[in-house]
């Protein structure tokens, strides 16, 4: 849809076609503008992997905190 707008289609028409607001369009354009489809897919995959790793880190930190509490209570 960004390429359609860059090709000369009015932004309002592109937004109506894809059922999004103009604010959403400009957010997408700021994030994905100038990227190829493969680059956008790679970015999305990296964001998903980053979210998964952050979740694993949070769970590990919680486990460590629980183990420290248990160890402190034993002594």
PDB file of N, CA and C in Angstrom:
ATOM      1  N   UNK A   1       0.814  -1.185   0.000  1.00  0.00           N
ATOM      2  CA  UNK A   1       0.000   0.000   0.000  1.00  0.00           C
ATOM      3  C   UNK A   1       0.860   1.252   0.000  1.00  0.00           C
ATOM      4  N   UNK A   2       2.054   1.174   0.577  1.00  0.00           N
ATOM      5  CA  UNK A   2       2.952   2.328   0.549  1.00  0.00           C
ATOM      6  C   UNK A   2       3.406   2.603  -0.879  1.00  0.00           C
ATOM      7  N   UNK A   3       3.700   1.531  -1.597  1.00  0.00           N
ATOM      8  CA  UNK A   3       4.127   1.703  -2.989  1.00  0.00           C
ATOM      9  C   UNK A   3       3.009   2.293  -3.851  1.00  0.00           C
ATOM     10  N   UNK A   4       1.768   1.927  -3.558  1.00  0.00           N
ATOM     11  CA  UNK A   4       0.636   2.509  -4.291  1.00  0.00           C
ATOM     12  C   UNK A   4       0.581   4.012  -4.077  1.00  0.00           C
ATOM     13  N   UNK A   5       0.764   4.430  -2.832  1.00  0.00           N
ATOM     14  CA  UNK A   5       0.712   5.849  -2.518  1.00  0.00           C
ATOM     15  C   UNK A   5       1.888   6.583  -3.158  1.00  0.00           C
ATOM     16  N   UNK A   6       3.064   5.970  -3.138  1.00  0.00           N
ATOM     17  CA  UNK A   6       4.233   6.589  -3.750  1.00  0.00           C
ATOM     18  C   UNK A   6       4.112   6.654  -5.262  1.00  0.00           C
ATOM     19  N   UNK A   7       3.307   5.747  -5.852  1.00  0.00           N
ATOM     20  CA  UNK A   7       3.113   5.739  -7.303  1.00  0.00           C
ATOM     21  C   UNK A   7       2.157   6.838  -7.754  1.00  0.00           C
ATOM     22  N   UNK A   8       1.505   7.503  -6.802  1.00  0.00           N
ATOM     23  CA  UNK A   8       0.651   8.621  -7.188  1.00  0.00           C
ATOM     24  C   UNK A   8      -0.792   8.521  -6.752  1.00  0.00           C
ATOM     25  N   UNK A   9      -1.186   7.386  -6.188  1.00  0.00           N
ATOM     26  CA  UNK A   9      -2.552   7.243  -5.702  1.00  0.00           C
ATOM     27  C   UNK A   9      -2.709   8.108  -4.455  1.00  0.00           C
ATOM     28  N   UNK A  10      -3.784   8.877  -4.363  1.00  0.00           N
ATOM     29  CA  UNK A  10      -3.976   9.717  -3.172  1.00  0.00           C
ATOM     30  C   UNK A  10      -4.032   8.873  -1.892  1.00  0.00           C
ATOM     31  N   UNK A  11      -3.491   9.433  -0.836  1.00  0.00           N
ATOM     32  CA  UNK A  11      -3.424   8.719   0.442  1.00  0.00           C
ATOM     33  C   UNK A  11      -4.811   8.333   0.933  1.00  0.00           C
ATOM     34  N   UNK A  12      -5.776   9.225   0.798  1.00  0.00           N
ATOM     35  CA  UNK A  12      -7.138   8.942   1.256  1.00  0.00           C
ATOM     36  C   UNK A  12      -7.721   7.735   0.526  1.00  0.00           C
ATOM     37  N   UNK A  13      -7.452   7.625  -0.759  1.00  0.00           N
ATOM     38  CA  UNK A  13      -7.966   6.502  -1.543  1.00  0.00           C
ATOM     39  C   UNK A  13      -7.310   5.186  -1.098  1.00  0.00           C
ATOM     40  N   UNK A  14      -6.016   5.221  -0.851  1.00  0.00           N
ATOM     41  CA  UNK A  14      -5.310   4.017  -0.388  1.00  0.00           C
ATOM     42  C   UNK A  14      -5.870   3.594   0.970  1.00  0.00           C
ATOM     43  N   UNK A  15      -6.108   4.562   1.855  1.00  0.00           N
ATOM     44  CA  UNK A  15      -6.634   4.249   3.181  1.00  0.00           C
ATOM     45  C   UNK A  15      -8.027   3.630   3.094  1.00  0.00           C
ATOM     46  N   UNK A  16      -8.856   4.146   2.213  1.00  0.00           N
ATOM     47  CA  UNK A  16     -10.201   3.564   2.038  1.00  0.00           C
ATOM     48  C   UNK A  16     -10.111   2.149   1.495  1.00  0.00           C
ATOM     49  N   UNK A  17      -9.200   1.922   0.569  1.00  0.00           N
ATOM     50  CA  UNK A  17      -9.062   0.611  -0.050  1.00  0.00           C
ATOM     51  C   UNK A  17      -8.676  -0.451   0.986  1.00  0.00           C
ATOM     52  N   UNK A  18      -7.790  -0.103   1.919  1.00  0.00           N
ATOM     53  CA  UNK A  18      -7.295  -1.065   2.902  1.00  0.00           C
ATOM     54  C   UNK A  18      -7.975  -0.932   4.259  1.00  0.00           C
ATOM     55  N   UNK A  19      -8.984  -0.087   4.368  1.00  0.00           N
ATOM     56  CA  UNK A  19      -9.782   0.091   5.576  1.00  0.00           C
ATOM     57  C   UNK A  19      -8.920   0.476   6.779  1.00  0.00           C
ATOM     58  N   UNK A  20      -8.044   1.453   6.589  1.00  0.00           N
ATOM     59  CA  UNK A  20      -7.230   1.953   7.691  1.00  0.00           C
ATOM     60  C   UNK A  20      -7.354   3.467   7.742  1.00  0.00           C
ATOM     61  N   UNK A  21      -6.973   4.037   8.877  1.00  0.00           N
ATOM     62  CA  UNK A  21      -7.001   5.497   8.996  1.00  0.00           C
ATOM     63  C   UNK A  21      -5.720   6.063   8.390  1.00  0.00           C
ATOM     64  N   UNK A  22      -5.745   7.343   8.104  1.00  0.00           N
ATOM     65  CA  UNK A  22      -4.548   7.965   7.546  1.00  0.00           C
ATOM     66  C   UNK A  22      -3.421   7.969   8.576  1.00  0.00           C
ATOM     67  N   UNK A  23      -3.766   8.070   9.873  1.00  0.00           N
ATOM     68  CA  UNK A  23      -2.733   8.017  10.918  1.00  0.00           C
ATOM     69  C   UNK A  23      -2.031   6.662  10.908  1.00  0.00           C
ATOM     70  N   UNK A  24      -2.807   5.589  10.761  1.00  0.00           N
ATOM     71  CA  UNK A  24      -2.212   4.254  10.690  1.00  0.00           C
ATOM     72  C   UNK A  24      -1.327   4.116   9.458  1.00  0.00           C
ATOM     73  N   UNK A  25      -1.788   4.681   8.345  1.00  0.00           N
ATOM     74  CA  UNK A  25      -0.988   4.618   7.120  1.00  0.00           C
ATOM     75  C   UNK A  25       0.362   5.287   7.322  1.00  0.00           C
ATOM     76  N   UNK A  26       0.364   6.474   7.936  1.00  0.00           N
ATOM     77  CA  UNK A  26       1.615   7.186   8.122  1.00  0.00           C
ATOM     78  C   UNK A  26       2.521   6.499   9.145  1.00  0.00           C
ATOM     79  N   UNK A  27       1.932   5.785  10.116  1.00  0.00           N
ATOM     80  CA  UNK A  27       2.750   4.989  11.040  1.00  0.00           C
ATOM     81  C   UNK A  27       3.435   3.852  10.289  1.00  0.00           C
ATOM     82  N   UNK A  28       2.665   3.154   9.435  1.00  0.00           N
ATOM     83  CA  UNK A  28       3.245   2.079   8.629  1.00  0.00           C
ATOM     84  C   UNK A  28       4.334   2.632   7.723  1.00  0.00           C
ATOM     85  N   UNK A  29       4.065   3.798   7.136  1.00  0.00           N
ATOM     86  CA  UNK A  29       5.024   4.382   6.212  1.00  0.00           C
ATOM     87  C   UNK A  29       6.303   4.776   6.937  1.00  0.00           C
ATOM     88  N   UNK A  30       6.171   5.308   8.162  1.00  0.00           N
ATOM     89  CA  UNK A  30       7.359   5.672   8.928  1.00  0.00           C
ATOM     90  C   UNK A  30       8.169   4.437   9.305  1.00  0.00           C
ATOM     91  N   UNK A  31       7.481   3.347   9.596  1.00  0.00           N
ATOM     92  CA  UNK A  31       8.173   2.137  10.033  1.00  0.00           C
ATOM     93  C   UNK A  31       8.723   1.332   8.859  1.00  0.00           C
ATOM     94  N   UNK A  32       7.925   1.180   7.801  1.00  0.00           N
ATOM     95  CA  UNK A  32       8.297   0.288   6.704  1.00  0.00           C
ATOM     96  C   UNK A  32       8.655   1.007   5.415  1.00  0.00           C
ATOM     97  N   UNK A  33       8.576   2.321   5.373  1.00  0.00           N
ATOM     98  CA  UNK A  33       8.878   3.057   4.149  1.00  0.00           C
ATOM     99  C   UNK A  33      10.314   2.822   3.703  1.00  0.00           C
ATOM    100  N   UNK A  34      10.519   2.602   2.436  1.00  0.00           N
ATOM    101  CA  UNK A  34      11.853   2.371   1.901  1.00  0.00           C
ATOM    102  C   UNK A  34      12.320   0.934   2.011  1.00  0.00           C
ATOM    103  N   UNK A  35      11.488   0.053   2.564  1.00  0.00           N
ATOM    104  CA  UNK A  35      11.866  -1.358   2.688  1.00  0.00           C
ATOM    105  C   UNK A  35      11.216  -2.176   1.584  1.00  0.00           C
ATOM    106  N   UNK A  36      11.896  -3.248   1.238  1.00  0.00           N
ATOM    107  CA  UNK A  36      11.286  -4.235   0.358  1.00  0.00           C
ATOM    108  C   UNK A  36      10.419  -5.152   1.214  1.00  0.00           C
ATOM    109  N   UNK A  37       9.619  -5.968   0.564  1.00  0.00           N
ATOM    110  CA  UNK A  37       8.759  -6.895   1.294  1.00  0.00           C
ATOM    111  C   UNK A  37       9.600  -7.867   2.119  1.00  0.00           C
ATOM    112  N   UNK A  38      10.700  -8.342   1.545  1.00  0.00           N
ATOM    113  CA  UNK A  38      11.544  -9.297   2.269  1.00  0.00           C
ATOM    114  C   UNK A  38      12.166  -8.632   3.502  1.00  0.00           C
ATOM    115  N   UNK A  39      12.542  -7.362   3.396  1.00  0.00           N
ATOM    116  CA  UNK A  39      13.096  -6.648   4.552  1.00  0.00           C
ATOM    117  C   UNK A  39      12.050  -6.494   5.643  1.00  0.00           C
ATOM    118  N   UNK A  40      10.818  -6.195   5.270  1.00  0.00           N
ATOM    119  CA  UNK A  40       9.740  -6.043   6.247  1.00  0.00           C
ATOM    120  C   UNK A  40       9.458  -7.377   6.943  1.00  0.00           C
ATOM    121  N   UNK A  41       9.510  -8.465   6.187  1.00  0.00           N
ATOM    122  CA  UNK A  41       9.306  -9.790   6.789  1.00  0.00           C
ATOM    123  C   UNK A  41      10.415 -10.126   7.769  1.00  0.00           C
ATOM    124  N   UNK A  42      11.660  -9.799   7.391  1.00  0.00           N
ATOM    125  CA  UNK A  42      12.785 -10.043   8.293  1.00  0.00           C
ATOM    126  C   UNK A  42      12.639  -9.216   9.565  1.00  0.00           C
ATOM    127  N   UNK A  43      12.226  -7.962   9.422  1.00  0.00           N
ATOM    128  CA  UNK A  43      12.031  -7.096  10.584  1.00  0.00           C
ATOM    129  C   UNK A  43      10.967  -7.664  11.505  1.00  0.00           C
ATOM    130  N   UNK A  44       9.863  -8.114  10.936  1.00  0.00           N
ATOM    131  CA  UNK A  44       8.788  -8.689  11.742  1.00  0.00           C
ATOM    132  C   UNK A  44       9.262  -9.947  12.461  1.00  0.00           C
ATOM    133  N   UNK A  45      10.025 -10.786  11.769  1.00  0.00           N
ATOM    134  CA  UNK A  45      10.541 -12.012  12.389  1.00  0.00           C
ATOM    135  C   UNK A  45      11.499 -11.674  13.531  1.00  0.00           C
ATOM    136  N   UNK A  46      12.342 -10.672  13.338  1.00  0.00           N
ATOM    137  CA  UNK A  46      13.264 -10.267  14.394  1.00  0.00           C
ATOM    138  C   UNK A  46      12.521  -9.690  15.591  1.00  0.00           C
ATOM    139  N   UNK A  47      11.464  -8.930  15.343  1.00  0.00           N
ATOM    140  CA  UNK A  47      10.666  -8.378  16.444  1.00  0.00           C
ATOM    141  C   UNK A  47       9.992  -9.492  17.233  1.00  0.00           C
ATOM    142  N   UNK A  48       9.472 -10.509  16.528  1.00  0.00           N
ATOM    143  CA  UNK A  48       8.842 -11.647  17.210  1.00  0.00           C
ATOM    144  C   UNK A  48       9.867 -12.417  18.044  1.00  0.00           C
ATOM    145  N   UNK A  49      11.067 -12.628  17.481  1.00  0.00           N
ATOM    146  CA  UNK A  49      12.104 -13.339  18.216  1.00  0.00           C
ATOM    147  C   UNK A  49      12.539 -12.532  19.441  1.00  0.00           C
ATOM    148  N   UNK A  50      12.657 -11.230  19.283  1.00  0.00           N
ATOM    149  CA  UNK A  50      13.032 -10.371  20.398  1.00  0.00           C
ATOM    150  C   UNK A  50      11.993 -10.437  21.512  1.00  0.00           C
ATOM    151  N   UNK A  51      10.724 -10.420  21.162  1.00  0.00           N
ATOM    152  CA  UNK A  51       9.662 -10.521  22.165  1.00  0.00           C
ATOM    153  C   UNK A  51       9.731 -11.863  22.895  1.00  0.00           C
ATOM    154  N   UNK A  52       9.993 -12.930  22.156  1.00  0.00           N
ATOM    155  CA  UNK A  52      10.099 -14.261  22.759  1.00  0.00           C
ATOM    156  C   UNK A  52      11.286 -14.324  23.718  1.00  0.00           C
ATOM    157  N   UNK A  53      12.417 -13.756  23.306  1.00  0.00           N
ATOM    158  CA  UNK A  53      13.600 -13.772  24.161  1.00  0.00           C
ATOM    159  C   UNK A  53      13.407 -12.913  25.411  1.00  0.00           C
ATOM    160  N   UNK A  54      12.715 -11.789  25.269  1.00  0.00           N
ATOM    161  CA  UNK A  54      12.430 -10.951  26.434  1.00  0.00           C
ATOM    162  C   UNK A  54      11.551 -11.695  27.430  1.00  0.00           C
ATOM    163  N   UNK A  55      10.588 -12.453  26.921  1.00  0.00           N
ATOM    164  CA  UNK A  55       9.715 -13.231  27.795  1.00  0.00           C
ATOM    165  C   UNK A  55      10.518 -14.308  28.530  1.00  0.00           C
ATOM    166  N   UNK A  56      11.408 -14.989  27.811  1.00  0.00           N
ATOM    167  CA  UNK A  56      12.252 -16.009  28.443  1.00  0.00           C
ATOM    168  C   UNK A  56      13.151 -15.399  29.511  1.00  0.00           C
ATOM    169  N   UNK A  57      13.705 -14.222  29.230  1.00  0.00           N
ATOM    170  CA  UNK A  57      14.559 -13.552  30.202  1.00  0.00           C
ATOM    171  C   UNK A  57      13.767 -13.188  31.448  1.00  0.00           C
ATOM    172  N   UNK A  58      12.567 -12.667  31.273  1.00  0.00           N
ATOM    173  CA  UNK A  58      11.735 -12.295  32.413  1.00  0.00           C
ATOM    174  C   UNK A  58      11.395 -13.520  33.262  1.00  0.00           C
ATOM    175  N   UNK A  59      11.070 -14.624  32.614  1.00  0.00           N
ATOM    176  CA  UNK A  59      10.758 -15.847  33.347  1.00  0.00           C
ATOM    177  C   UNK A  59      11.980 -16.353  34.114  1.00  0.00           C
ATOM    178  N   UNK A  60      13.149 -16.285  33.499  1.00  0.00           N
ATOM    179  CA  UNK A  60      14.373 -16.731  34.151  1.00  0.00           C
ATOM    180  C   UNK A  60      14.705 -15.837  35.349  1.00  0.00           C
ATOM    181  N   UNK A  61      14.526 -14.531  35.180  1.00  0.00           N
ATOM    182  CA  UNK A  61      14.787 -13.616  36.291  1.00  0.00           C
ATOM    183  C   UNK A  61      13.821 -13.872  37.445  1.00  0.00           C
ATOM    184  N   UNK A  62      12.576 -14.187  37.133  1.00  0.00           N
ATOM    185  CA  UNK A  62      11.598 -14.513  38.166  1.00  0.00           C
ATOM    186  C   UNK A  62      11.983 -15.796  38.890  1.00  0.00           C
ATOM    187  N   UNK A  63      12.401 -16.805  38.136  1.00  0.00           N
ATOM    188  CA  UNK A  63      12.854 -18.059  38.751  1.00  0.00           C
ATOM    189  C   UNK A  63      14.040 -17.817  39.677  1.00  0.00           C
ATOM    190  N   UNK A  64      14.990 -16.988  39.244  1.00  0.00           N
ATOM    191  CA  UNK A  64      16.151 -16.682  40.078  1.00  0.00           C
ATOM    192  C   UNK A  64      15.733 -15.971  41.363  1.00  0.00           C
ATOM    193  N   UNK A  65      14.803 -15.036  41.254  1.00  0.00           N
ATOM    194  CA  UNK A  65      14.343 -14.313  42.439  1.00  0.00           C
ATOM    195  C   UNK A  65      13.661 -15.269  43.420  1.00  0.00           C
ATOM    196  N   UNK A  66      12.877 -16.198  42.898  1.00  0.00           N
ATOM    197  CA  UNK A  66      12.203 -17.181  43.755  1.00  0.00           C
ATOM    198  C   UNK A  66      13.228 -18.067  44.446  1.00  0.00           C
ATOM    199  N   UNK A  67      14.232 -18.527  43.706  1.00  0.00           N
ATOM    200  CA  UNK A  67      15.268 -19.372  44.296  1.00  0.00           C
ATOM    201  C   UNK A  67      16.053 -18.621  45.368  1.00  0.00           C
ATOM    202  N   UNK A  68      16.330 -17.354  45.154  1.00  0.00           N
ATOM    203  CA  UNK A  68      17.042 -16.565  46.161  1.00  0.00           C
ATOM    204  C   UNK A  68      16.194 -16.418  47.424  1.00  0.00           C
ATOM    205  N   UNK A  69      14.889 -16.208  47.245  1.00  0.00           N
ATOM    206  CA  UNK A  69      14.007 -16.099  48.410  1.00  0.00           C
ATOM    207  C   UNK A  69      13.970 -17.406  49.192  1.00  0.00           C
ATOM    208  N   UNK A  70      13.872 -18.521  48.502  1.00  0.00           N
ATOM    209  CA  UNK A  70      13.836 -19.823  49.156  1.00  0.00           C
ATOM    210  C   UNK A  70      15.146 -20.084  49.878  1.00  0.00           C
ATOM    211  N   UNK A  71      16.262 -19.775  49.233  1.00  0.00           N
ATOM    212  CA  UNK A  71      17.570 -19.995  49.848  1.00  0.00           C
ATOM    213  C   UNK A  71      17.757 -19.102  51.075  1.00  0.00           C
ATOM    214  N   UNK A  72      17.267 -17.882  51.016  1.00  0.00           N
ATOM    215  CA  UNK A  72      17.404 -16.967  52.154  1.00  0.00           C
ATOM    216  C   UNK A  72      16.559 -17.425  53.338  1.00  0.00           C
ATOM    217  N   UNK A  73      15.418 -18.019  53.086  1.00  0.00           N
ATOM    218  CA  UNK A  73      14.535 -18.474  54.158  1.00  0.00           C
ATOM    219  C   UNK A  73      15.058 -19.730  54.844  1.00  0.00           C
ATOM    220  N   UNK A  74      15.855 -20.533  54.133  1.00  0.00           N
ATOM    221  CA  UNK A  74      16.412 -21.750  54.729  1.00  0.00           C
ATOM    222  C   UNK A  74      17.466 -21.415  55.770  1.00  0.00           C
ATOM    223  N   UNK A  75      18.194 -20.348  55.601  1.00  0.00           N
ATOM    224  CA  UNK A  75      19.280 -20.013  56.523  1.00  0.00           C
ATOM    225  C   UNK A  75      18.721 -19.169  57.600  1.00  0.00           C
TER     226      UNK A  75
END
